[in-house]
Amino acid sequence: MDIRKRVGLRLKELRQKNGLTQEALAFEAEVDKTYLNEVENGKRNISVINLEKIILALGVSIQEFFTAADFNTEKQKKTN
């Protein structure tokens, strides 16, 4: 799966887990809600600066964000 899609799915998963709308998360992270929507849907590259802002607004560490199964490189190698 494309890295943009994996990042977007992980952001969406954490956002929904926290009971936030895209608008609420975008406000907390100080990014545009349209931008967040496009990132969640894998249609837009995200800068590391904006990724950090969104992850921190979700209340997780960067390490926790990337330790999800979606980013397990061994799993990715087996499915490709």
N, C-alpha and C. Protein backbone atom coordinates (compact mmCIF):
# COMPACT_ATOMS: atom_id res chain seq x y z
N MET A 1 0.85 -1.17 0.00
CA MET A 1 0.00 0.00 0.00
C MET A 1 0.90 1.24 0.00
N ASP A 2 0.50 2.24 -0.71
CA ASP A 2 1.20 3.51 -0.80
C ASP A 2 1.35 4.15 0.58
N ILE A 3 2.50 4.74 0.86
CA ILE A 3 2.76 5.36 2.16
C ILE A 3 1.76 6.47 2.47
N ARG A 4 1.32 7.20 1.46
CA ARG A 4 0.34 8.26 1.71
C ARG A 4 -0.96 7.67 2.22
N LYS A 5 -1.36 6.54 1.68
CA LYS A 5 -2.60 5.88 2.13
C LYS A 5 -2.44 5.33 3.55
N ARG A 6 -1.27 4.75 3.84
CA ARG A 6 -1.04 4.21 5.18
C ARG A 6 -1.05 5.31 6.23
N VAL A 7 -0.40 6.43 5.94
CA VAL A 7 -0.40 7.55 6.87
C VAL A 7 -1.82 8.07 7.06
N GLY A 8 -2.53 8.24 5.97
CA GLY A 8 -3.90 8.73 6.04
C GLY A 8 -4.82 7.82 6.83
N LEU A 9 -4.71 6.53 6.60
CA LEU A 9 -5.55 5.58 7.34
C LEU A 9 -5.24 5.59 8.83
N ARG A 10 -3.95 5.72 9.15
CA ARG A 10 -3.55 5.77 10.57
C ARG A 10 -4.08 7.04 11.23
N LEU A 11 -3.98 8.16 10.54
CA LEU A 11 -4.51 9.41 11.08
C LEU A 11 -6.02 9.30 11.32
N LYS A 12 -6.71 8.76 10.34
CA LYS A 12 -8.17 8.61 10.45
C LYS A 12 -8.53 7.68 11.60
N GLU A 13 -7.79 6.58 11.73
CA GLU A 13 -8.04 5.63 12.82
C GLU A 13 -7.90 6.31 14.18
N LEU A 14 -6.83 7.06 14.37
CA LEU A 14 -6.60 7.72 15.65
C LEU A 14 -7.60 8.85 15.89
N ARG A 15 -7.94 9.57 14.83
CA ARG A 15 -8.93 10.65 14.96
C ARG A 15 -10.28 10.09 15.42
N GLN A 16 -10.72 9.02 14.77
CA GLN A 16 -12.00 8.42 15.14
C GLN A 16 -11.95 7.82 16.54
N LYS A 17 -10.82 7.22 16.89
CA LYS A 17 -10.66 6.65 18.23
C LYS A 17 -10.80 7.73 19.29
N ASN A 18 -10.33 8.94 18.98
CA ASN A 18 -10.42 10.06 19.91
C ASN A 18 -11.76 10.79 19.82
N GLY A 19 -12.65 10.33 18.93
CA GLY A 19 -13.97 10.94 18.80
C GLY A 19 -13.94 12.34 18.22
N LEU A 20 -12.97 12.62 17.36
CA LEU A 20 -12.83 13.94 16.76
C LEU A 20 -13.33 13.96 15.33
N THR A 21 -13.91 15.07 14.95
CA THR A 21 -14.24 15.29 13.54
C THR A 21 -12.97 15.78 12.84
N GLN A 22 -12.98 15.75 11.52
CA GLN A 22 -11.85 16.31 10.78
C GLN A 22 -11.70 17.79 11.11
N GLU A 23 -12.80 18.48 11.22
CA GLU A 23 -12.77 19.91 11.52
C GLU A 23 -12.14 20.18 12.88
N ALA A 24 -12.50 19.40 13.88
CA ALA A 24 -11.96 19.60 15.22
C ALA A 24 -10.46 19.31 15.26
N LEU A 25 -10.05 18.23 14.61
CA LEU A 25 -8.63 17.89 14.58
C LEU A 25 -7.84 18.94 13.81
N ALA A 26 -8.36 19.37 12.69
CA ALA A 26 -7.69 20.39 11.89
C ALA A 26 -7.50 21.67 12.71
N PHE A 27 -8.52 22.04 13.48
CA PHE A 27 -8.43 23.22 14.32
C PHE A 27 -7.33 23.05 15.37
N GLU A 28 -7.33 21.90 16.05
CA GLU A 28 -6.33 21.63 17.10
C GLU A 28 -4.91 21.62 16.54
N ALA A 29 -4.74 21.08 15.33
CA ALA A 29 -3.42 20.95 14.71
C ALA A 29 -3.02 22.19 13.93
N GLU A 30 -3.95 23.12 13.79
CA GLU A 30 -3.72 24.35 13.04
C GLU A 30 -3.38 24.08 11.57
N VAL A 31 -4.19 23.20 10.96
CA VAL A 31 -4.11 22.94 9.53
C VAL A 31 -5.51 23.10 8.93
N ASP A 32 -5.58 23.27 7.64
CA ASP A 32 -6.87 23.43 6.98
C ASP A 32 -7.60 22.09 6.95
N LYS A 33 -8.93 22.13 7.17
CA LYS A 33 -9.70 20.88 7.20
C LYS A 33 -9.71 20.17 5.84
N THR A 34 -9.65 20.93 4.74
CA THR A 34 -9.59 20.33 3.41
C THR A 34 -8.27 19.59 3.22
N TYR A 35 -7.21 20.18 3.71
CA TYR A 35 -5.88 19.56 3.67
C TYR A 35 -5.91 18.24 4.44
N LEU A 36 -6.46 18.27 5.66
CA LEU A 36 -6.54 17.06 6.47
C LEU A 36 -7.34 15.97 5.77
N ASN A 37 -8.45 16.35 5.15
CA ASN A 37 -9.27 15.40 4.41
C ASN A 37 -8.48 14.75 3.29
N GLU A 38 -7.74 15.54 2.55
CA GLU A 38 -6.95 14.99 1.44
C GLU A 38 -5.82 14.10 1.93
N VAL A 39 -5.23 14.44 3.07
CA VAL A 39 -4.18 13.59 3.66
C VAL A 39 -4.79 12.26 4.10
N GLU A 40 -5.91 12.31 4.81
CA GLU A 40 -6.56 11.08 5.28
C GLU A 40 -6.94 10.17 4.12
N ASN A 41 -7.27 10.73 2.99
CA ASN A 41 -7.68 9.93 1.84
C ASN A 41 -6.52 9.56 0.92
N GLY A 42 -5.29 9.87 1.34
CA GLY A 42 -4.11 9.49 0.58
C GLY A 42 -3.94 10.26 -0.72
N LYS A 43 -4.57 11.41 -0.83
CA LYS A 43 -4.52 12.18 -2.07
C LYS A 43 -3.47 13.28 -2.02
N ARG A 44 -2.84 13.45 -0.87
CA ARG A 44 -1.92 14.56 -0.71
C ARG A 44 -0.71 14.14 0.09
N ASN A 45 0.46 14.59 -0.33
CA ASN A 45 1.66 14.38 0.48
C ASN A 45 1.58 15.30 1.69
N ILE A 46 2.07 14.81 2.80
CA ILE A 46 2.06 15.62 4.01
C ILE A 46 3.50 15.93 4.39
N SER A 47 3.73 17.16 4.81
CA SER A 47 5.07 17.52 5.26
C SER A 47 5.30 16.94 6.65
N VAL A 48 6.54 16.74 7.01
CA VAL A 48 6.83 16.21 8.34
C VAL A 48 6.41 17.20 9.42
N ILE A 49 6.47 18.48 9.13
CA ILE A 49 6.04 19.49 10.10
C ILE A 49 4.55 19.35 10.38
N ASN A 50 3.74 19.24 9.33
CA ASN A 50 2.29 19.09 9.52
C ASN A 50 1.95 17.73 10.13
N LEU A 51 2.68 16.70 9.76
CA LEU A 51 2.44 15.38 10.33
C LEU A 51 2.67 15.42 11.84
N GLU A 52 3.75 16.07 12.25
CA GLU A 52 4.04 16.18 13.68
C GLU A 52 2.92 16.96 14.39
N LYS A 53 2.46 18.05 13.81
CA LYS A 53 1.39 18.85 14.42
C LYS A 53 0.12 18.02 14.60
N ILE A 54 -0.22 17.24 13.60
CA ILE A 54 -1.45 16.44 13.67
C ILE A 54 -1.30 15.30 14.68
N ILE A 55 -0.16 14.63 14.65
CA ILE A 55 0.08 13.53 15.59
C ILE A 55 0.02 14.04 17.03
N LEU A 56 0.67 15.15 17.29
CA LEU A 56 0.65 15.71 18.65
C LEU A 56 -0.76 16.15 19.06
N ALA A 57 -1.53 16.68 18.11
CA ALA A 57 -2.91 17.07 18.39
C ALA A 57 -3.76 15.84 18.73
N LEU A 58 -3.36 14.68 18.23
CA LEU A 58 -4.07 13.43 18.52
C LEU A 58 -3.66 12.85 19.88
N GLY A 59 -2.62 13.42 20.47
CA GLY A 59 -2.20 12.98 21.79
C GLY A 59 -1.37 11.71 21.82
N VAL A 60 -0.71 11.41 20.71
CA VAL A 60 0.17 10.25 20.67
C VAL A 60 1.58 10.71 20.31
N SER A 61 2.54 9.85 20.60
CA SER A 61 3.91 10.17 20.23
C SER A 61 4.14 9.78 18.77
N ILE A 62 5.16 10.34 18.20
CA ILE A 62 5.51 9.98 16.83
C ILE A 62 5.87 8.50 16.76
N GLN A 63 6.57 8.02 17.77
CA GLN A 63 6.93 6.60 17.82
C GLN A 63 5.69 5.72 17.85
N GLU A 64 4.73 6.09 18.69
CA GLU A 64 3.49 5.32 18.78
C GLU A 64 2.73 5.32 17.45
N PHE A 65 2.73 6.46 16.78
CA PHE A 65 2.05 6.56 15.49
C PHE A 65 2.62 5.55 14.49
N PHE A 66 3.95 5.46 14.43
CA PHE A 66 4.59 4.62 13.43
C PHE A 66 4.80 3.17 13.86
N THR A 67 4.47 2.81 15.09
CA THR A 67 4.61 1.42 15.51
C THR A 67 3.36 0.60 15.21
N ALA A 68 2.37 1.22 14.61
CA ALA A 68 1.15 0.50 14.24
C ALA A 68 1.47 -0.56 13.19
N ALA A 69 0.64 -1.57 13.10
CA ALA A 69 0.85 -2.66 12.16
C ALA A 69 0.95 -2.18 10.71
N ASP A 70 0.30 -1.06 10.40
CA ASP A 70 0.35 -0.53 9.03
C ASP A 70 1.76 -0.17 8.59
N PHE A 71 2.65 0.06 9.56
CA PHE A 71 4.00 0.48 9.24
C PHE A 71 5.03 -0.60 9.52
N ASN A 72 4.58 -1.81 9.79
CA ASN A 72 5.49 -2.93 10.03
C ASN A 72 6.11 -3.34 8.71
N THR A 73 7.41 -3.12 8.56
CA THR A 73 8.07 -3.37 7.28
C THR A 73 8.08 -4.85 6.92
N GLU A 74 8.15 -5.72 7.91
CA GLU A 74 8.13 -7.15 7.60
C GLU A 74 6.78 -7.54 7.00
N LYS A 75 5.71 -6.99 7.56
CA LYS A 75 4.37 -7.26 7.02
C LYS A 75 4.27 -6.74 5.59
N GLN A 76 4.81 -5.55 5.33
CA GLN A 76 4.76 -4.98 4.00
C GLN A 76 5.52 -5.82 3.00
N LYS A 77 6.68 -6.35 3.38
CA LYS A 77 7.47 -7.18 2.48
C LYS A 77 6.72 -8.45 2.08
N LYS A 78 5.99 -9.03 3.03
CA LYS A 78 5.27 -10.26 2.78
C LYS A 78 4.07 -10.05 1.86
N THR A 79 3.46 -8.86 1.92
CA THR A 79 2.26 -8.63 1.11
C THR A 79 2.59 -8.06 -0.26
N ASN A 80 3.81 -7.65 -0.48
CA ASN A 80 4.19 -7.07 -1.79
C ASN A 80 4.79 -8.11 -2.70
